Amino acid sequence: MQKRKFLTMFLFGAIALAQPGFAADALKVDEARVVAPVPGQTVAAAYMVLESPKGARVVAAESDVADSVQIHTMSMQGDVMRMRRLEALDLPAGRPVQLAPGGTHLMLFGLRGKLRPGGTVALRLTVTEAGGANRIISLSLPVVDGPHAHGGRHD
């Protein structure tokens, strides 16, 4: 009887490990936040640290609070800040990728309401895994106060 119980537990464990959404396959998200925009702005920036156990790419992002969400990168060329839209964000296996002010980040365009510190923003990331399968990652990001993350223009 003990042997049968062990075998049953082993099989359930093996099945759980084989499930696509099992924790070992999960995209790890840390330090996620949206910076509240200054009054009158219709854009906001989102930052976080993403780490995938397998090679993957973020290929899209969306939120119900914005008309569009885009992946952007920032660089300085002389005294001019340049923003460039990225079609995708690579997530090398096991390496954290930081989305931060002054670098790669998410931009929420066409805000449909005011984002206030203490609130949250629902965000969905479409992640394409190395084998080609797409996965939707749903996040709830806190809205934090602070100076506008990058006060320059997008070129």
C-alpha atoms as a PDB file:
ATOM      1  CA  MET A   1       0.000   0.000   0.000  1.00  0.00           C
ATOM      2  CA  GLN A   2       2.833   2.428   0.871  1.00  0.00           C
ATOM      3  CA  LYS A   3       4.542   1.710  -2.450  1.00  0.00           C
ATOM      4  CA  ARG A   4       1.319   2.445  -4.362  1.00  0.00           C
ATOM      5  CA  LYS A   5       0.840   5.741  -2.482  1.00  0.00           C
ATOM      6  CA  PHE A   6       4.413   6.772  -3.333  1.00  0.00           C
ATOM      7  CA  LEU A   7       3.934   5.849  -7.003  1.00  0.00           C
ATOM      8  CA  THR A   8       0.687   7.875  -7.175  1.00  0.00           C
ATOM      9  CA  MET A   9       2.378  10.921  -5.615  1.00  0.00           C
ATOM     10  CA  PHE A  10       5.322  10.539  -8.017  1.00  0.00           C
ATOM     11  CA  LEU A  11       3.017  10.430 -11.054  1.00  0.00           C
ATOM     12  CA  PHE A  12       1.061  13.513  -9.940  1.00  0.00           C
ATOM     13  CA  GLY A  13       4.354  15.326  -9.390  1.00  0.00           C
ATOM     14  CA  ALA A  14       5.588  14.360 -12.863  1.00  0.00           C
ATOM     15  CA  ILE A  15       2.332  15.567 -14.419  1.00  0.00           C
ATOM     16  CA  ALA A  16       2.582  18.900 -12.593  1.00  0.00           C
ATOM     17  CA  LEU A  17       6.138  19.384 -13.809  1.00  0.00           C
ATOM     18  CA  ALA A  18       5.050  18.740 -17.387  1.00  0.00           C
ATOM     19  CA  GLN A  19       2.355  21.461 -17.322  1.00  0.00           C
ATOM     20  CA  PRO A  20       3.257  24.536 -19.403  1.00  0.00           C
ATOM     21  CA  GLY A  21       2.356  26.993 -16.639  1.00  0.00           C
ATOM     22  CA  PHE A  22       4.344  25.277 -13.896  1.00  0.00           C
ATOM     23  CA  ALA A  23       6.341  27.651 -11.685  1.00  0.00           C
ATOM     24  CA  ALA A  24       9.728  26.484 -13.007  1.00  0.00           C
ATOM     25  CA  ASP A  25       8.669  27.769 -16.461  1.00  0.00           C
ATOM     26  CA  ALA A  26       7.263  31.044 -15.187  1.00  0.00           C
ATOM     27  CA  LEU A  27       8.499  34.443 -16.196  1.00  0.00           C
ATOM     28  CA  LYS A  28       9.832  36.156 -13.075  1.00  0.00           C
ATOM     29  CA  VAL A  29       8.814  39.807 -12.686  1.00  0.00           C
ATOM     30  CA  ASP A  30      10.348  42.052 -10.007  1.00  0.00           C
ATOM     31  CA  GLU A  31      10.279  45.754  -9.180  1.00  0.00           C
ATOM     32  CA  ALA A  32       7.294  46.352 -11.483  1.00  0.00           C
ATOM     33  CA  ARG A  33       5.759  49.820 -11.383  1.00  0.00           C
ATOM     34  CA  VAL A  34       4.167  52.585 -13.449  1.00  0.00           C
ATOM     35  CA  VAL A  35       5.262  56.148 -12.763  1.00  0.00           C
ATOM     36  CA  ALA A  36       2.279  58.481 -12.450  1.00  0.00           C
ATOM     37  CA  PRO A  37       2.468  61.099 -15.198  1.00  0.00           C
ATOM     38  CA  VAL A  38       2.580  64.802 -14.481  1.00  0.00           C
ATOM     39  CA  PRO A  39      -0.828  66.512 -14.759  1.00  0.00           C
ATOM     40  CA  GLY A  40      -1.936  66.967 -18.344  1.00  0.00           C
ATOM     41  CA  GLN A  41       0.262  64.184 -19.761  1.00  0.00           C
ATOM     42  CA  THR A  42      -1.389  61.330 -21.654  1.00  0.00           C
ATOM     43  CA  VAL A  43       1.654  59.033 -21.486  1.00  0.00           C
ATOM     44  CA  ALA A  44       3.243  57.071 -18.662  1.00  0.00           C
ATOM     45  CA  ALA A  45       6.244  54.792 -18.318  1.00  0.00           C
ATOM     46  CA  ALA A  46       6.408  51.292 -16.827  1.00  0.00           C
ATOM     47  CA  TYR A  47       9.524  49.687 -15.417  1.00  0.00           C
ATOM     48  CA  MET A  48      10.365  46.221 -14.134  1.00  0.00           C
ATOM     49  CA  VAL A  49      12.948  43.443 -14.128  1.00  0.00           C
ATOM     50  CA  LEU A  50      12.052  40.388 -16.244  1.00  0.00           C
ATOM     51  CA  GLU A  51      13.767  37.022 -16.078  1.00  0.00           C
ATOM     52  CA  SER A  52      12.811  33.975 -18.110  1.00  0.00           C
ATOM     53  CA  PRO A  53      14.182  30.497 -17.327  1.00  0.00           C
ATOM     54  CA  LYS A  54      14.143  29.799 -21.077  1.00  0.00           C
ATOM     55  CA  GLY A  55      15.016  32.078 -23.959  1.00  0.00           C
ATOM     56  CA  ALA A  56      11.967  34.170 -24.858  1.00  0.00           C
ATOM     57  CA  ARG A  57      10.861  37.495 -26.343  1.00  0.00           C
ATOM     58  CA  VAL A  58       8.259  40.021 -25.273  1.00  0.00           C
ATOM     59  CA  VAL A  59       6.493  40.692 -28.581  1.00  0.00           C
ATOM     60  CA  ALA A  60       3.545  42.814 -27.426  1.00  0.00           C
ATOM     61  CA  ALA A  61       2.084  44.620 -24.438  1.00  0.00           C
ATOM     62  CA  GLU A  62      -1.358  46.035 -23.763  1.00  0.00           C
ATOM     63  CA  SER A  63      -3.374  47.640 -21.005  1.00  0.00           C
ATOM     64  CA  ASP A  64      -6.988  48.671 -20.595  1.00  0.00           C
ATOM     65  CA  VAL A  65      -5.854  52.100 -19.319  1.00  0.00           C
ATOM     66  CA  ALA A  66      -4.019  53.066 -22.535  1.00  0.00           C
ATOM     67  CA  ASP A  67      -4.661  53.157 -26.265  1.00  0.00           C
ATOM     68  CA  SER A  68      -1.310  51.427 -26.838  1.00  0.00           C
ATOM     69  CA  VAL A  69       1.695  50.093 -24.973  1.00  0.00           C
ATOM     70  CA  GLN A  70       5.057  50.072 -26.726  1.00  0.00           C
ATOM     71  CA  ILE A  71       8.531  48.826 -25.895  1.00  0.00           C
ATOM     72  CA  HIS A  72      10.999  51.710 -26.131  1.00  0.00           C
ATOM     73  CA  THR A  73      14.680  52.279 -25.624  1.00  0.00           C
ATOM     74  CA  MET A  74      16.325  55.587 -24.834  1.00  0.00           C
ATOM     75  CA  SER A  75      19.762  56.907 -25.739  1.00  0.00           C
ATOM     76  CA  MET A  76      21.484  60.256 -25.599  1.00  0.00           C
ATOM     77  CA  GLN A  77      23.002  61.722 -28.760  1.00  0.00           C
ATOM     78  CA  GLY A  78      24.842  64.812 -27.647  1.00  0.00           C
ATOM     79  CA  ASP A  79      22.303  66.830 -25.667  1.00  0.00           C
ATOM     80  CA  VAL A  80      19.294  65.220 -27.334  1.00  0.00           C
ATOM     81  CA  MET A  81      17.424  62.294 -25.850  1.00  0.00           C
ATOM     82  CA  ARG A  82      16.294  59.826 -28.526  1.00  0.00           C
ATOM     83  CA  MET A  83      13.509  57.320 -28.063  1.00  0.00           C
ATOM     84  CA  ARG A  84      13.231  54.378 -30.380  1.00  0.00           C
ATOM     85  CA  ARG A  85      10.423  51.842 -30.519  1.00  0.00           C
ATOM     86  CA  LEU A  86      11.461  48.194 -30.346  1.00  0.00           C
ATOM     87  CA  GLU A  87       9.394  45.527 -32.065  1.00  0.00           C
ATOM     88  CA  ALA A  88      10.345  42.966 -29.387  1.00  0.00           C
ATOM     89  CA  LEU A  89      12.414  42.603 -26.246  1.00  0.00           C
ATOM     90  CA  ASP A  90      14.762  39.619 -26.007  1.00  0.00           C
ATOM     91  CA  LEU A  91      14.841  37.721 -22.715  1.00  0.00           C
ATOM     92  CA  PRO A  92      17.989  35.547 -22.664  1.00  0.00           C
ATOM     93  CA  ALA A  93      17.562  32.371 -20.607  1.00  0.00           C
ATOM     94  CA  GLY A  94      18.255  32.918 -16.919  1.00  0.00           C
ATOM     95  CA  ARG A  95      19.460  36.533 -17.319  1.00  0.00           C
ATOM     96  CA  PRO A  96      17.533  39.425 -15.781  1.00  0.00           C
ATOM     97  CA  VAL A  97      16.513  42.162 -18.216  1.00  0.00           C
ATOM     98  CA  GLN A  98      15.971  45.519 -16.552  1.00  0.00           C
ATOM     99  CA  LEU A  99      13.402  47.991 -17.858  1.00  0.00           C
ATOM    100  CA  ALA A 100      14.449  51.249 -16.192  1.00  0.00           C
ATOM    101  CA  PRO A 101      14.511  55.032 -16.595  1.00  0.00           C
ATOM    102  CA  GLY A 102      17.181  56.052 -19.084  1.00  0.00           C
ATOM    103  CA  GLY A 103      17.102  52.692 -20.876  1.00  0.00           C
ATOM    104  CA  THR A 104      14.576  50.178 -22.131  1.00  0.00           C
ATOM    105  CA  HIS A 105      11.046  50.653 -20.782  1.00  0.00           C
ATOM    106  CA  LEU A 106       7.369  50.374 -21.653  1.00  0.00           C
ATOM    107  CA  MET A 107       5.446  53.464 -22.736  1.00  0.00           C
ATOM    108  CA  LEU A 108       1.690  53.685 -22.210  1.00  0.00           C
ATOM    109  CA  PHE A 109       0.222  56.065 -24.802  1.00  0.00           C
ATOM    110  CA  GLY A 110      -3.243  57.609 -24.840  1.00  0.00           C
ATOM    111  CA  LEU A 111      -4.072  57.178 -21.175  1.00  0.00           C
ATOM    112  CA  ARG A 112      -7.824  56.789 -20.712  1.00  0.00           C
ATOM    113  CA  GLY A 113      -7.920  58.250 -17.237  1.00  0.00           C
ATOM    114  CA  LYS A 114      -5.770  59.614 -14.464  1.00  0.00           C
ATOM    115  CA  LEU A 115      -3.158  57.329 -12.956  1.00  0.00           C
ATOM    116  CA  ARG A 116      -2.756  58.155  -9.290  1.00  0.00           C
ATOM    117  CA  PRO A 117      -0.109  56.923  -6.868  1.00  0.00           C
ATOM    118  CA  GLY A 118      -1.498  54.053  -4.831  1.00  0.00           C
ATOM    119  CA  GLY A 119      -3.564  52.749  -7.738  1.00  0.00           C
ATOM    120  CA  THR A 120      -2.747  49.822 -10.012  1.00  0.00           C
ATOM    121  CA  VAL A 121      -2.487  49.240 -13.744  1.00  0.00           C
ATOM    122  CA  ALA A 122      -3.327  45.891 -15.353  1.00  0.00           C
ATOM    123  CA  LEU A 123      -0.767  45.028 -18.018  1.00  0.00           C
ATOM    124  CA  ARG A 124      -0.585  42.012 -20.324  1.00  0.00           C
ATOM    125  CA  LEU A 125       2.651  40.930 -21.954  1.00  0.00           C
ATOM    126  CA  THR A 126       2.686  38.548 -24.909  1.00  0.00           C
ATOM    127  CA  VAL A 127       5.802  36.409 -24.603  1.00  0.00           C
ATOM    128  CA  THR A 128       7.000  34.125 -27.375  1.00  0.00           C
ATOM    129  CA  GLU A 129       9.023  31.219 -26.042  1.00  0.00           C
ATOM    130  CA  ALA A 130      11.979  29.622 -27.822  1.00  0.00           C
ATOM    131  CA  GLY A 131       9.753  26.892 -29.297  1.00  0.00           C
ATOM    132  CA  GLY A 132       7.391  29.469 -30.795  1.00  0.00           C
ATOM    133  CA  ALA A 133       4.531  29.158 -28.296  1.00  0.00           C
ATOM    134  CA  ASN A 134       2.926  32.406 -27.137  1.00  0.00           C
ATOM    135  CA  ARG A 135       2.014  33.002 -23.530  1.00  0.00           C
ATOM    136  CA  ILE A 136       0.068  35.934 -22.081  1.00  0.00           C
ATOM    137  CA  ILE A 137       1.473  37.167 -18.778  1.00  0.00           C
ATOM    138  CA  SER A 138      -1.001  39.249 -16.760  1.00  0.00           C
ATOM    139  CA  LEU A 139       0.485  41.744 -14.324  1.00  0.00           C
ATOM    140  CA  SER A 140      -0.866  44.279 -11.871  1.00  0.00           C
ATOM    141  CA  LEU A 141       1.595  47.147 -11.499  1.00  0.00           C
ATOM    142  CA  PRO A 142       1.409  49.680  -8.691  1.00  0.00           C
ATOM    143  CA  VAL A 143       1.303  53.329  -9.711  1.00  0.00           C
ATOM    144  CA  VAL A 144       4.056  55.230  -7.935  1.00  0.00           C
ATOM    145  CA  ASP A 145       4.719  58.921  -7.507  1.00  0.00           C
ATOM    146  CA  GLY A 146       7.850  60.527  -8.758  1.00  0.00           C
ATOM    147  CA  PRO A 147       9.195  62.928 -11.279  1.00  0.00           C
ATOM    148  CA  HIS A 148       8.278  62.071 -14.837  1.00  0.00           C
ATOM    149  CA  ALA A 149      10.654  59.267 -15.709  1.00  0.00           C
ATOM    150  CA  HIS A 150      12.046  60.984 -18.776  1.00  0.00           C
ATOM    151  CA  GLY A 151      10.902  64.455 -19.588  1.00  0.00           C
ATOM    152  CA  GLY A 152      12.215  64.712 -23.135  1.00  0.00           C
ATOM    153  CA  ARG A 153      10.566  64.246 -26.469  1.00  0.00           C
ATOM    154  CA  HIS A 154      10.262  61.035 -28.459  1.00  0.00           C
ATOM    155  CA  ASP A 155      12.067  61.104 -31.813  1.00  0.00           C
END
